[in-house]
Amino acid sequence: MNIQKPKDKSQLQIKVCGLTKLNQIHELIDLKVDFLGFIFYEKSPRYVLNHLTLKQIAEIPHFKKVGVFVNKSIKGIVEFASEAQLDIIQLHGDEDEKYIKLLRQMIGESIKIIKVIRIGNQTSDELQNTINKQPTTINYLLFDTDSKAFGGTGKTFNWNILNDVEIPFPYFLSGGISLENIHQLSTINHQPIALDINSKFEIEAGNKDLEKIKEFLSMINK
């Protein structure tokens, strides 16, 4: 597998997750944000279907709409992906190899799959073992901070652990990324293809701070 590694921060892509407001979504499209993230997990304070319909999401003019799911039935994901015209499925639960292979069969090759790996107190060997278990039918990994509940924590894990493992997929970096810690990204040898930002760029859950996001984009694109 040939992986294109960013040569510098200017090549990093940005995913804004937990979107709930159409006016903000359209502003982010104007800002050329690469990935738009919609959370389809009922227990999340950013559960998108409390704010937008599947039809409204389908009508958003963007080609990297990401649906975030947690242990949802494959049939349910397939239905939502079709009705909301999602381009990418992000699996944030305990979905195993059998589940992912069946999902791939159901959605075909055109919809990409991101599998989230939550990082807590495991050793680098344990993390490597988890990475190695991922089926080749996924397209990306996403590393996030572990928590008792599913979903984002707003906290950062120790990024240095990524220097101790082999990562055979392009990956997203998530978990408490902010204006204050982005400079630490240079400590990672194998750079992510994208940064996933959420709670550190909000006024309240689902209500994004667009000025902060603009500042973040300007820092990344320097």
N, C-alpha and C. Protein backbone atom coordinates (compact mmCIF):
# COMPACT_ATOMS: atom_id res chain seq x y z
N MET A 1 0.85 -1.20 0.00
CA MET A 1 0.00 0.00 0.00
C MET A 1 0.88 1.24 0.00
N ASN A 2 0.69 2.11 -1.00
CA ASN A 2 1.46 3.34 -1.07
C ASN A 2 0.71 4.45 -0.35
N ILE A 3 1.33 4.99 0.68
CA ILE A 3 0.69 6.04 1.48
C ILE A 3 1.39 7.36 1.22
N GLN A 4 0.61 8.36 0.84
CA GLN A 4 1.16 9.69 0.65
C GLN A 4 1.28 10.38 2.00
N LYS A 5 2.47 10.65 2.44
CA LYS A 5 2.68 11.32 3.73
C LYS A 5 2.82 12.82 3.51
N PRO A 6 2.12 13.61 4.29
CA PRO A 6 2.28 15.06 4.17
C PRO A 6 3.74 15.46 4.42
N LYS A 7 4.26 16.31 3.55
CA LYS A 7 5.64 16.77 3.73
C LYS A 7 5.72 17.86 4.79
N ASP A 8 4.62 18.57 4.98
CA ASP A 8 4.61 19.61 6.00
C ASP A 8 3.16 19.87 6.38
N LYS A 9 2.96 20.73 7.37
CA LYS A 9 1.63 20.96 7.92
C LYS A 9 0.67 21.54 6.88
N SER A 10 1.19 22.23 5.85
CA SER A 10 0.31 22.88 4.89
C SER A 10 -0.50 21.87 4.08
N GLN A 11 -0.08 20.62 4.08
CA GLN A 11 -0.80 19.60 3.32
C GLN A 11 -1.84 18.87 4.17
N LEU A 12 -1.92 19.20 5.43
CA LEU A 12 -2.89 18.55 6.29
C LEU A 12 -4.31 18.93 5.90
N GLN A 13 -5.19 17.94 5.94
CA GLN A 13 -6.60 18.21 5.72
C GLN A 13 -7.28 18.38 7.09
N ILE A 14 -8.47 18.99 7.06
CA ILE A 14 -9.19 19.28 8.30
C ILE A 14 -10.59 18.68 8.24
N LYS A 15 -10.97 18.02 9.33
CA LYS A 15 -12.33 17.52 9.50
C LYS A 15 -12.94 18.25 10.70
N VAL A 16 -14.07 18.87 10.49
CA VAL A 16 -14.81 19.48 11.60
C VAL A 16 -15.97 18.55 11.91
N CYS A 17 -16.02 18.04 13.12
CA CYS A 17 -17.01 17.04 13.50
C CYS A 17 -18.05 17.62 14.45
N GLY A 18 -19.18 16.93 14.55
CA GLY A 18 -20.23 17.35 15.46
C GLY A 18 -21.05 18.51 14.94
N LEU A 19 -21.22 18.57 13.62
CA LEU A 19 -21.95 19.68 13.01
C LEU A 19 -23.46 19.52 13.18
N THR A 20 -24.14 20.63 13.46
CA THR A 20 -25.59 20.59 13.66
C THR A 20 -26.32 21.76 13.00
N LYS A 21 -25.60 22.80 12.56
CA LYS A 21 -26.24 24.03 12.09
C LYS A 21 -25.91 24.28 10.61
N LEU A 22 -26.96 24.39 9.79
CA LEU A 22 -26.75 24.54 8.35
C LEU A 22 -25.96 25.79 8.00
N ASN A 23 -26.23 26.91 8.66
CA ASN A 23 -25.50 28.13 8.31
C ASN A 23 -24.01 27.98 8.57
N GLN A 24 -23.65 27.30 9.67
CA GLN A 24 -22.24 27.07 9.97
C GLN A 24 -21.61 26.10 8.96
N ILE A 25 -22.37 25.09 8.59
CA ILE A 25 -21.88 24.12 7.61
C ILE A 25 -21.53 24.81 6.30
N HIS A 26 -22.40 25.70 5.85
CA HIS A 26 -22.14 26.40 4.58
C HIS A 26 -20.95 27.35 4.70
N GLU A 27 -20.77 27.94 5.87
CA GLU A 27 -19.58 28.78 6.07
C GLU A 27 -18.31 27.93 6.03
N LEU A 28 -18.37 26.74 6.61
CA LEU A 28 -17.21 25.85 6.60
C LEU A 28 -16.89 25.38 5.18
N ILE A 29 -17.92 25.18 4.38
CA ILE A 29 -17.70 24.81 2.98
C ILE A 29 -16.98 25.96 2.27
N ASP A 30 -17.41 27.20 2.54
CA ASP A 30 -16.76 28.37 1.94
C ASP A 30 -15.30 28.46 2.38
N LEU A 31 -15.02 27.99 3.61
CA LEU A 31 -13.64 28.00 4.12
C LEU A 31 -12.82 26.84 3.59
N LYS A 32 -13.47 25.99 2.77
CA LYS A 32 -12.81 24.85 2.14
C LYS A 32 -12.34 23.79 3.15
N VAL A 33 -13.15 23.61 4.21
CA VAL A 33 -12.88 22.50 5.13
C VAL A 33 -13.04 21.19 4.37
N ASP A 34 -12.12 20.26 4.60
CA ASP A 34 -12.06 19.05 3.77
C ASP A 34 -13.12 18.01 4.09
N PHE A 35 -13.41 17.80 5.38
CA PHE A 35 -14.37 16.79 5.80
C PHE A 35 -15.39 17.41 6.75
N LEU A 36 -16.67 17.09 6.53
CA LEU A 36 -17.75 17.54 7.41
C LEU A 36 -18.27 16.33 8.18
N GLY A 37 -18.23 16.40 9.51
CA GLY A 37 -18.59 15.25 10.34
C GLY A 37 -19.95 15.40 11.00
N PHE A 38 -20.79 14.37 10.84
CA PHE A 38 -22.14 14.35 11.41
C PHE A 38 -22.27 13.14 12.32
N ILE A 39 -22.67 13.37 13.56
CA ILE A 39 -22.72 12.29 14.56
C ILE A 39 -24.11 11.67 14.61
N PHE A 40 -24.17 10.38 14.27
CA PHE A 40 -25.44 9.63 14.28
C PHE A 40 -25.47 8.68 15.48
N TYR A 41 -25.12 9.21 16.63
CA TYR A 41 -25.11 8.43 17.87
C TYR A 41 -26.06 9.12 18.83
N GLU A 42 -27.17 8.45 19.16
CA GLU A 42 -28.27 9.08 19.88
C GLU A 42 -27.86 9.66 21.23
N LYS A 43 -26.85 9.08 21.86
CA LYS A 43 -26.45 9.55 23.19
C LYS A 43 -25.51 10.76 23.15
N SER A 44 -25.10 11.15 21.97
CA SER A 44 -24.19 12.29 21.85
C SER A 44 -24.96 13.61 21.97
N PRO A 45 -24.38 14.60 22.65
CA PRO A 45 -25.01 15.93 22.69
C PRO A 45 -25.00 16.60 21.32
N ARG A 46 -24.28 16.02 20.37
CA ARG A 46 -24.20 16.56 19.02
C ARG A 46 -24.93 15.64 18.01
N TYR A 47 -25.88 14.87 18.51
CA TYR A 47 -26.64 13.96 17.66
C TYR A 47 -27.34 14.76 16.57
N VAL A 48 -26.93 14.54 15.33
CA VAL A 48 -27.33 15.44 14.24
C VAL A 48 -28.82 15.38 13.95
N LEU A 49 -29.47 14.24 14.17
CA LEU A 49 -30.88 14.14 13.81
C LEU A 49 -31.79 14.85 14.80
N ASN A 50 -31.22 15.41 15.86
CA ASN A 50 -31.97 16.33 16.72
C ASN A 50 -32.06 17.72 16.09
N HIS A 51 -31.29 17.94 15.03
CA HIS A 51 -31.18 19.28 14.45
C HIS A 51 -31.45 19.31 12.95
N LEU A 52 -31.02 18.29 12.24
CA LEU A 52 -31.16 18.25 10.78
C LEU A 52 -31.81 16.93 10.37
N THR A 53 -32.48 16.95 9.23
CA THR A 53 -33.05 15.72 8.68
C THR A 53 -32.03 15.07 7.74
N LEU A 54 -32.26 13.80 7.44
CA LEU A 54 -31.39 13.11 6.48
C LEU A 54 -31.42 13.82 5.13
N LYS A 55 -32.60 14.32 4.74
CA LYS A 55 -32.72 15.03 3.46
C LYS A 55 -31.89 16.30 3.46
N GLN A 56 -31.91 17.03 4.57
CA GLN A 56 -31.10 18.26 4.64
C GLN A 56 -29.61 17.94 4.51
N ILE A 57 -29.18 16.86 5.15
CA ILE A 57 -27.77 16.47 5.06
C ILE A 57 -27.44 16.06 3.62
N ALA A 58 -28.37 15.35 2.99
CA ALA A 58 -28.14 14.91 1.60
C ALA A 58 -27.97 16.09 0.66
N GLU A 59 -28.65 17.18 0.96
CA GLU A 59 -28.61 18.35 0.07
C GLU A 59 -27.40 19.25 0.30
N ILE A 60 -26.60 18.97 1.31
CA ILE A 60 -25.39 19.77 1.55
C ILE A 60 -24.39 19.51 0.43
N PRO A 61 -23.94 20.56 -0.26
CA PRO A 61 -23.08 20.38 -1.44
C PRO A 61 -21.61 20.16 -1.07
N HIS A 62 -21.30 18.94 -0.68
CA HIS A 62 -19.93 18.61 -0.28
C HIS A 62 -19.68 17.15 -0.59
N PHE A 63 -18.42 16.82 -0.90
CA PHE A 63 -18.11 15.46 -1.35
C PHE A 63 -17.37 14.62 -0.32
N LYS A 64 -17.25 15.15 0.90
CA LYS A 64 -16.63 14.37 1.97
C LYS A 64 -17.47 14.52 3.24
N LYS A 65 -18.70 14.07 3.16
CA LYS A 65 -19.59 14.08 4.31
C LYS A 65 -19.40 12.78 5.09
N VAL A 66 -19.03 12.92 6.36
CA VAL A 66 -18.70 11.77 7.19
C VAL A 66 -19.82 11.52 8.20
N GLY A 67 -20.33 10.30 8.22
CA GLY A 67 -21.31 9.90 9.22
C GLY A 67 -20.63 9.09 10.30
N VAL A 68 -20.76 9.54 11.57
CA VAL A 68 -20.12 8.87 12.70
C VAL A 68 -21.15 7.96 13.38
N PHE A 69 -20.81 6.67 13.49
CA PHE A 69 -21.73 5.68 14.06
C PHE A 69 -21.04 4.90 15.17
N VAL A 70 -21.84 4.48 16.15
CA VAL A 70 -21.33 3.70 17.28
C VAL A 70 -22.17 2.43 17.43
N ASN A 71 -21.59 1.30 17.04
CA ASN A 71 -22.24 -0.01 17.22
C ASN A 71 -23.66 -0.05 16.66
N LYS A 72 -23.90 0.66 15.57
CA LYS A 72 -25.21 0.65 14.94
C LYS A 72 -25.34 -0.56 14.03
N SER A 73 -26.56 -1.02 13.80
CA SER A 73 -26.75 -2.15 12.90
C SER A 73 -26.26 -1.78 11.50
N ILE A 74 -25.75 -2.78 10.81
CA ILE A 74 -25.26 -2.54 9.45
C ILE A 74 -26.39 -2.04 8.56
N LYS A 75 -27.56 -2.62 8.72
CA LYS A 75 -28.72 -2.18 7.94
C LYS A 75 -29.01 -0.71 8.19
N GLY A 76 -28.92 -0.29 9.45
CA GLY A 76 -29.17 1.10 9.79
C GLY A 76 -28.17 2.04 9.16
N ILE A 77 -26.90 1.65 9.17
CA ILE A 77 -25.87 2.48 8.54
C ILE A 77 -26.11 2.60 7.05
N VAL A 78 -26.42 1.48 6.41
CA VAL A 78 -26.65 1.49 4.96
C VAL A 78 -27.81 2.42 4.62
N GLU A 79 -28.89 2.37 5.41
CA GLU A 79 -30.05 3.24 5.15
C GLU A 79 -29.69 4.71 5.33
N PHE A 80 -29.00 5.03 6.42
CA PHE A 80 -28.63 6.42 6.67
C PHE A 80 -27.65 6.93 5.61
N ALA A 81 -26.69 6.08 5.24
CA ALA A 81 -25.70 6.49 4.24
C ALA A 81 -26.36 6.82 2.92
N SER A 82 -27.37 6.03 2.57
CA SER A 82 -28.09 6.26 1.31
C SER A 82 -28.94 7.52 1.39
N GLU A 83 -29.72 7.65 2.46
CA GLU A 83 -30.66 8.78 2.55
C GLU A 83 -29.97 10.11 2.79
N ALA A 84 -28.84 10.09 3.51
CA ALA A 84 -28.10 11.33 3.78
C ALA A 84 -26.99 11.58 2.75
N GLN A 85 -26.84 10.63 1.83
CA GLN A 85 -25.79 10.71 0.80
C GLN A 85 -24.41 10.94 1.44
N LEU A 86 -24.09 10.06 2.37
CA LEU A 86 -22.79 10.14 3.03
C LEU A 86 -21.71 9.58 2.11
N ASP A 87 -20.53 10.16 2.22
CA ASP A 87 -19.38 9.72 1.41
C ASP A 87 -18.44 8.83 2.21
N ILE A 88 -18.49 8.98 3.54
CA ILE A 88 -17.55 8.25 4.41
C ILE A 88 -18.32 7.81 5.65
N ILE A 89 -18.03 6.58 6.11
CA ILE A 89 -18.60 6.05 7.34
C ILE A 89 -17.48 5.97 8.37
N GLN A 90 -17.69 6.56 9.54
CA GLN A 90 -16.72 6.48 10.64
C GLN A 90 -17.30 5.59 11.73
N LEU A 91 -16.57 4.52 12.04
CA LEU A 91 -17.01 3.54 13.03
C LEU A 91 -16.29 3.82 14.35
N HIS A 92 -17.06 4.25 15.35
CA HIS A 92 -16.47 4.72 16.60
C HIS A 92 -16.75 3.79 17.77
N GLY A 93 -17.23 2.58 17.46
CA GLY A 93 -17.59 1.65 18.53
C GLY A 93 -16.69 0.43 18.57
N ASP A 94 -17.31 -0.72 18.84
CA ASP A 94 -16.57 -1.98 18.97
C ASP A 94 -16.69 -2.85 17.73
N GLU A 95 -16.91 -2.24 16.59
CA GLU A 95 -17.12 -2.99 15.36
C GLU A 95 -15.89 -3.84 15.04
N ASP A 96 -16.11 -5.15 14.83
CA ASP A 96 -14.99 -6.06 14.60
C ASP A 96 -14.79 -6.33 13.11
N GLU A 97 -13.84 -7.19 12.81
CA GLU A 97 -13.47 -7.46 11.42
C GLU A 97 -14.66 -8.01 10.62
N LYS A 98 -15.40 -8.94 11.24
CA LYS A 98 -16.56 -9.53 10.55
C LYS A 98 -17.59 -8.47 10.21
N TYR A 99 -17.86 -7.58 11.17
CA TYR A 99 -18.82 -6.49 10.97
C TYR A 99 -18.36 -5.58 9.82
N ILE A 100 -17.09 -5.20 9.85
CA ILE A 100 -16.58 -4.26 8.85
C ILE A 100 -16.59 -4.88 7.46
N LYS A 101 -16.24 -6.15 7.35
CA LYS A 101 -16.25 -6.82 6.05
C LYS A 101 -17.66 -6.88 5.48
N LEU A 102 -18.64 -7.16 6.35
CA LEU A 102 -20.03 -7.22 5.89
C LEU A 102 -20.53 -5.83 5.49
N LEU A 103 -20.16 -4.83 6.27
CA LEU A 103 -20.54 -3.46 5.94
C LEU A 103 -19.96 -3.09 4.57
N ARG A 104 -18.72 -3.44 4.34
CA ARG A 104 -18.10 -3.13 3.04
C ARG A 104 -18.88 -3.79 1.90
N GLN A 105 -19.28 -5.01 2.09
CA GLN A 105 -20.07 -5.69 1.05
C GLN A 105 -21.38 -4.96 0.78
N MET A 106 -21.97 -4.43 1.83
CA MET A 106 -23.29 -3.79 1.72
C MET A 106 -23.21 -2.40 1.09
N ILE A 107 -22.14 -1.65 1.39
CA ILE A 107 -22.07 -0.26 0.90
C ILE A 107 -21.26 -0.13 -0.39
N GLY A 108 -20.55 -1.20 -0.77
CA GLY A 108 -19.72 -1.13 -1.96
C GLY A 108 -18.41 -0.40 -1.72
N GLU A 109 -17.72 -0.12 -2.80
CA GLU A 109 -16.38 0.48 -2.69
C GLU A 109 -16.40 2.00 -2.71
N SER A 110 -17.50 2.60 -3.15
CA SER A 110 -17.49 4.05 -3.34
C SER A 110 -17.51 4.82 -2.02
N ILE A 111 -18.12 4.24 -0.98
CA ILE A 111 -18.14 4.89 0.33
C ILE A 111 -16.94 4.43 1.14
N LYS A 112 -16.18 5.36 1.64
CA LYS A 112 -14.97 5.04 2.40
C LYS A 112 -15.32 4.71 3.86
N ILE A 113 -14.43 3.98 4.52
CA ILE A 113 -14.63 3.61 5.92
C ILE A 113 -13.44 4.08 6.76
N ILE A 114 -13.75 4.77 7.85
CA ILE A 114 -12.75 5.15 8.87
C ILE A 114 -13.02 4.29 10.10
N LYS A 115 -12.01 3.62 10.62
CA LYS A 115 -12.16 2.89 11.87
C LYS A 115 -11.41 3.61 12.97
N VAL A 116 -12.12 3.90 14.04
CA VAL A 116 -11.52 4.62 15.17
C VAL A 116 -10.83 3.64 16.12
N ILE A 117 -9.63 4.00 16.54
CA ILE A 117 -8.93 3.28 17.60
C ILE A 117 -8.74 4.25 18.75
N ARG A 118 -9.27 3.87 19.91
CA ARG A 118 -9.20 4.73 21.09
C ARG A 118 -7.94 4.41 21.89
N ILE A 119 -7.19 5.44 22.22
CA ILE A 119 -5.91 5.27 22.89
C ILE A 119 -6.00 5.75 24.32
N GLY A 120 -5.67 4.85 25.25
CA GLY A 120 -5.68 5.18 26.67
C GLY A 120 -4.37 4.80 27.31
N ASN A 121 -4.39 3.75 28.13
CA ASN A 121 -3.19 3.34 28.86
C ASN A 121 -2.49 2.14 28.25
N GLN A 122 -2.89 1.73 27.04
CA GLN A 122 -2.26 0.56 26.46
C GLN A 122 -0.79 0.83 26.09
N THR A 123 -0.02 -0.25 26.03
CA THR A 123 1.37 -0.14 25.60
C THR A 123 1.42 -0.03 24.09
N SER A 124 2.58 0.33 23.57
CA SER A 124 2.72 0.42 22.12
C SER A 124 2.53 -0.95 21.47
N ASP A 125 2.94 -2.03 22.15
CA ASP A 125 2.72 -3.37 21.60
C ASP A 125 1.23 -3.69 21.52
N GLU A 126 0.48 -3.30 22.54
CA GLU A 126 -0.96 -3.53 22.53
C GLU A 126 -1.64 -2.71 21.43
N LEU A 127 -1.18 -1.47 21.26
CA LEU A 127 -1.73 -0.63 20.20
C LEU A 127 -1.41 -1.22 18.83
N GLN A 128 -0.18 -1.69 18.67
CA GLN A 128 0.21 -2.30 17.40
C GLN A 128 -0.66 -3.51 17.08
N ASN A 129 -0.95 -4.30 18.10
CA ASN A 129 -1.79 -5.47 17.91
C ASN A 129 -3.19 -5.07 17.44
N THR A 130 -3.73 -4.01 18.02
CA THR A 130 -5.05 -3.51 17.60
C THR A 130 -5.02 -3.03 16.16
N ILE A 131 -3.96 -2.31 15.81
CA ILE A 131 -3.82 -1.82 14.43
C ILE A 131 -3.74 -3.00 13.46
N ASN A 132 -2.96 -4.00 13.84
CA ASN A 132 -2.76 -5.15 12.94
C ASN A 132 -4.04 -5.94 12.70
N LYS A 133 -4.98 -5.84 13.62
CA LYS A 133 -6.24 -6.59 13.50
C LYS A 133 -7.24 -5.93 12.56
N GLN A 134 -6.95 -4.71 12.13
CA GLN A 134 -7.91 -4.01 11.29
C GLN A 134 -7.96 -4.61 9.89
N PRO A 135 -9.15 -4.85 9.36
CA PRO A 135 -9.26 -5.45 8.03
C PRO A 135 -8.80 -4.50 6.93
N THR A 136 -8.32 -5.05 5.86
CA THR A 136 -7.84 -4.23 4.75
C THR A 136 -8.99 -3.55 4.00
N THR A 137 -10.23 -3.88 4.38
CA THR A 137 -11.38 -3.26 3.72
C THR A 137 -11.66 -1.85 4.23
N ILE A 138 -10.96 -1.40 5.29
CA ILE A 138 -11.11 0.00 5.71
C ILE A 138 -10.19 0.87 4.86
N ASN A 139 -10.45 2.16 4.88
CA ASN A 139 -9.62 3.11 4.11
C ASN A 139 -8.73 3.96 5.00
N TYR A 140 -9.21 4.25 6.23
CA TYR A 140 -8.46 5.11 7.13
C TYR A 140 -8.60 4.61 8.56
N LEU A 141 -7.62 4.97 9.39
CA LEU A 141 -7.75 4.86 10.83
C LEU A 141 -7.98 6.26 11.40
N LEU A 142 -8.52 6.32 12.59
CA LEU A 142 -8.61 7.57 13.33
C LEU A 142 -8.23 7.27 14.77
N PHE A 143 -7.23 7.97 15.27
CA PHE A 143 -6.79 7.77 16.65
C PHE A 143 -7.42 8.85 17.53
N ASP A 144 -8.12 8.39 18.58
CA ASP A 144 -8.81 9.31 19.49
C ASP A 144 -8.48 8.91 20.93
N THR A 145 -8.78 9.80 21.85
CA THR A 145 -8.53 9.53 23.26
C THR A 145 -9.61 8.59 23.80
N ASP A 146 -9.21 7.58 24.55
CA ASP A 146 -10.15 6.62 25.11
C ASP A 146 -10.95 7.25 26.24
N SER A 147 -12.17 6.73 26.43
CA SER A 147 -13.01 7.17 27.54
C SER A 147 -14.00 6.07 27.85
N LYS A 148 -14.66 6.18 29.00
CA LYS A 148 -15.65 5.17 29.38
C LYS A 148 -16.85 5.21 28.45
N ALA A 149 -17.19 6.40 27.99
CA ALA A 149 -18.29 6.55 27.05
C ALA A 149 -17.73 6.67 25.64
N PHE A 150 -18.55 6.32 24.65
CA PHE A 150 -18.12 6.47 23.27
C PHE A 150 -18.20 7.94 22.87
N GLY A 151 -17.36 8.29 21.90
CA GLY A 151 -17.39 9.66 21.41
C GLY A 151 -16.20 10.45 21.92
N GLY A 152 -16.16 11.71 21.52
CA GLY A 152 -15.02 12.54 21.86
C GLY A 152 -14.97 12.91 23.33
N THR A 153 -13.76 13.14 23.81
CA THR A 153 -13.56 13.52 25.20
C THR A 153 -13.08 14.95 25.35
N GLY A 154 -12.55 15.52 24.27
CA GLY A 154 -11.93 16.84 24.36
C GLY A 154 -10.57 16.78 25.00
N LYS A 155 -10.07 15.57 25.26
CA LYS A 155 -8.77 15.40 25.89
C LYS A 155 -7.79 14.79 24.89
N THR A 156 -6.52 15.09 25.09
CA THR A 156 -5.48 14.64 24.19
C THR A 156 -4.76 13.43 24.77
N PHE A 157 -4.51 12.41 23.94
CA PHE A 157 -3.66 11.31 24.38
C PHE A 157 -2.21 11.65 24.07
N ASN A 158 -1.30 10.83 24.56
CA ASN A 158 0.13 11.07 24.33
C ASN A 158 0.48 10.70 22.89
N TRP A 159 0.63 11.73 22.05
CA TRP A 159 0.88 11.48 20.63
C TRP A 159 2.17 10.72 20.38
N ASN A 160 3.10 10.73 21.32
CA ASN A 160 4.38 10.06 21.12
C ASN A 160 4.23 8.55 20.90
N ILE A 161 3.13 7.96 21.39
CA ILE A 161 2.95 6.52 21.20
C ILE A 161 2.86 6.17 19.72
N LEU A 162 2.44 7.11 18.90
CA LEU A 162 2.33 6.84 17.47
C LEU A 162 3.69 6.68 16.82
N ASN A 163 4.75 7.15 17.49
CA ASN A 163 6.11 6.98 16.97
C ASN A 163 6.64 5.57 17.23
N ASP A 164 5.92 4.80 18.04
CA ASP A 164 6.40 3.46 18.41
C ASP A 164 5.65 2.35 17.70
N VAL A 165 4.80 2.72 16.73
CA VAL A 165 4.02 1.70 16.01
C VAL A 165 4.11 1.94 14.51
N GLU A 166 3.83 0.87 13.77
CA GLU A 166 3.71 0.97 12.32
C GLU A 166 2.23 1.19 11.98
N ILE A 167 1.95 2.18 11.16
CA ILE A 167 0.57 2.52 10.81
C ILE A 167 0.40 2.30 9.30
N PRO A 168 -0.22 1.20 8.90
CA PRO A 168 -0.28 0.85 7.48
C PRO A 168 -1.43 1.51 6.71
N PHE A 169 -2.15 2.42 7.35
CA PHE A 169 -3.24 3.14 6.70
C PHE A 169 -3.03 4.64 6.87
N PRO A 170 -3.52 5.46 5.94
CA PRO A 170 -3.59 6.89 6.22
C PRO A 170 -4.47 7.09 7.46
N TYR A 171 -4.14 8.08 8.27
CA TYR A 171 -4.93 8.22 9.50
C TYR A 171 -5.28 9.67 9.84
N PHE A 172 -6.39 9.79 10.59
CA PHE A 172 -6.85 11.06 11.16
C PHE A 172 -6.38 11.11 12.61
N LEU A 173 -6.01 12.29 13.06
CA LEU A 173 -5.65 12.50 14.47
C LEU A 173 -6.76 13.29 15.13
N SER A 174 -7.25 12.76 16.26
CA SER A 174 -8.36 13.40 16.97
C SER A 174 -8.06 13.43 18.47
N GLY A 175 -8.95 14.06 19.22
CA GLY A 175 -8.81 14.05 20.68
C GLY A 175 -8.21 15.33 21.22
N GLY A 176 -9.04 16.32 21.45
CA GLY A 176 -8.59 17.53 22.14
C GLY A 176 -7.61 18.40 21.37
N ILE A 177 -7.61 18.30 20.05
CA ILE A 177 -6.75 19.18 19.25
C ILE A 177 -7.24 20.62 19.39
N SER A 178 -6.28 21.53 19.63
CA SER A 178 -6.66 22.92 19.91
C SER A 178 -5.61 23.87 19.36
N LEU A 179 -5.90 25.16 19.46
CA LEU A 179 -4.93 26.19 19.06
C LEU A 179 -3.69 26.12 19.94
N GLU A 180 -3.86 25.66 21.18
CA GLU A 180 -2.77 25.66 22.15
C GLU A 180 -1.80 24.49 21.96
N ASN A 181 -2.27 23.37 21.41
CA ASN A 181 -1.37 22.21 21.32
C ASN A 181 -0.98 21.81 19.90
N ILE A 182 -1.47 22.54 18.91
CA ILE A 182 -1.21 22.11 17.53
C ILE A 182 0.29 22.14 17.20
N HIS A 183 1.06 22.99 17.89
CA HIS A 183 2.49 23.05 17.62
C HIS A 183 3.20 21.73 17.95
N GLN A 184 2.57 20.91 18.80
CA GLN A 184 3.17 19.63 19.17
C GLN A 184 3.05 18.57 18.08
N LEU A 185 2.33 18.90 17.03
CA LEU A 185 2.14 17.95 15.94
C LEU A 185 3.47 17.54 15.32
N SER A 186 4.44 18.43 15.36
CA SER A 186 5.74 18.15 14.74
C SER A 186 6.49 17.03 15.45
N THR A 187 6.03 16.62 16.64
CA THR A 187 6.70 15.54 17.35
C THR A 187 6.33 14.16 16.80
N ILE A 188 5.34 14.10 15.92
CA ILE A 188 4.91 12.82 15.35
C ILE A 188 5.69 12.57 14.06
N ASN A 189 6.36 11.44 13.99
CA ASN A 189 7.17 11.12 12.81
C ASN A 189 6.33 10.84 11.58
N HIS A 190 5.36 9.95 11.73
CA HIS A 190 4.45 9.60 10.64
C HIS A 190 3.22 10.47 10.76
N GLN A 191 3.18 11.52 9.96
CA GLN A 191 2.14 12.54 10.13
C GLN A 191 0.76 12.04 9.68
N PRO A 192 -0.31 12.54 10.33
CA PRO A 192 -1.66 12.23 9.88
C PRO A 192 -1.95 12.89 8.55
N ILE A 193 -2.96 12.37 7.85
CA ILE A 193 -3.40 13.06 6.64
C ILE A 193 -4.40 14.15 6.98
N ALA A 194 -5.02 14.04 8.17
CA ALA A 194 -6.05 15.01 8.54
C ALA A 194 -6.14 15.15 10.04
N LEU A 195 -6.56 16.33 10.47
CA LEU A 195 -6.85 16.60 11.88
C LEU A 195 -8.34 16.69 12.05
N ASP A 196 -8.85 16.08 13.12
CA ASP A 196 -10.28 16.04 13.40
C ASP A 196 -10.54 16.94 14.61
N ILE A 197 -11.22 18.06 14.39
CA ILE A 197 -11.46 19.01 15.48
C ILE A 197 -12.94 19.05 15.83
N ASN A 198 -13.22 19.32 17.11
CA ASN A 198 -14.61 19.31 17.55
C ASN A 198 -14.79 20.24 18.75
N SER A 199 -14.71 19.67 19.96
CA SER A 199 -15.16 20.39 21.15
C SER A 199 -14.33 21.62 21.50
N LYS A 200 -13.05 21.63 21.15
CA LYS A 200 -12.20 22.79 21.46
C LYS A 200 -12.52 23.99 20.57
N PHE A 201 -13.41 23.78 19.61
CA PHE A 201 -13.76 24.85 18.68
C PHE A 201 -15.28 25.09 18.70
N GLU A 202 -15.82 25.06 19.92
CA GLU A 202 -17.26 25.24 20.09
C GLU A 202 -17.58 26.31 21.14
N ILE A 203 -18.73 26.94 20.96
CA ILE A 203 -19.29 27.82 21.98
C ILE A 203 -20.08 26.96 22.97
N GLU A 204 -20.79 25.99 22.42
CA GLU A 204 -21.48 24.95 23.19
C GLU A 204 -21.61 23.75 22.26
N ALA A 205 -22.04 22.62 22.78
CA ALA A 205 -22.08 21.39 21.99
C ALA A 205 -22.87 21.59 20.69
N GLY A 206 -22.19 21.38 19.56
CA GLY A 206 -22.83 21.50 18.26
C GLY A 206 -22.85 22.89 17.67
N ASN A 207 -22.48 23.89 18.48
CA ASN A 207 -22.43 25.28 18.01
C ASN A 207 -20.97 25.68 17.87
N LYS A 208 -20.50 25.73 16.64
CA LYS A 208 -19.06 25.92 16.39
C LYS A 208 -18.65 27.39 16.54
N ASP A 209 -17.41 27.56 16.98
CA ASP A 209 -16.80 28.88 17.06
C ASP A 209 -16.04 29.10 15.76
N LEU A 210 -16.69 29.72 14.81
CA LEU A 210 -16.12 29.84 13.47
C LEU A 210 -14.87 30.70 13.45
N GLU A 211 -14.79 31.69 14.33
CA GLU A 211 -13.59 32.53 14.36
C GLU A 211 -12.38 31.70 14.81
N LYS A 212 -12.58 30.82 15.78
CA LYS A 212 -11.50 29.95 16.22
C LYS A 212 -11.08 29.00 15.10
N ILE A 213 -12.06 28.49 14.38
CA ILE A 213 -11.76 27.57 13.28
C ILE A 213 -10.98 28.30 12.19
N LYS A 214 -11.36 29.54 11.90
CA LYS A 214 -10.62 30.33 10.91
C LYS A 214 -9.18 30.53 11.35
N GLU A 215 -8.99 30.80 12.63
CA GLU A 215 -7.64 31.00 13.15
C GLU A 215 -6.83 29.71 13.03
N PHE A 216 -7.47 28.60 13.33
CA PHE A 216 -6.82 27.29 13.24
C PHE A 216 -6.41 27.01 11.79
N LEU A 217 -7.32 27.26 10.86
CA LEU A 217 -7.02 27.03 9.44
C LEU A 217 -5.84 27.89 8.98
N SER A 218 -5.79 29.13 9.46
CA SER A 218 -4.69 30.01 9.06
C SER A 218 -3.36 29.51 9.61
N MET A 219 -3.39 28.93 10.82
CA MET A 219 -2.16 28.37 11.40
C MET A 219 -1.70 27.14 10.62
N ILE A 220 -2.65 26.29 10.24
CA ILE A 220 -2.32 25.07 9.50
C ILE A 220 -1.78 25.39 8.12
N ASN A 221 -2.32 26.43 7.51
CA ASN A 221 -1.98 26.72 6.11
C ASN A 221 -0.77 27.64 5.95
N LYS A 222 -0.14 27.99 7.06
CA LYS A 222 1.05 28.85 6.98
C LYS A 222 2.18 28.14 6.25
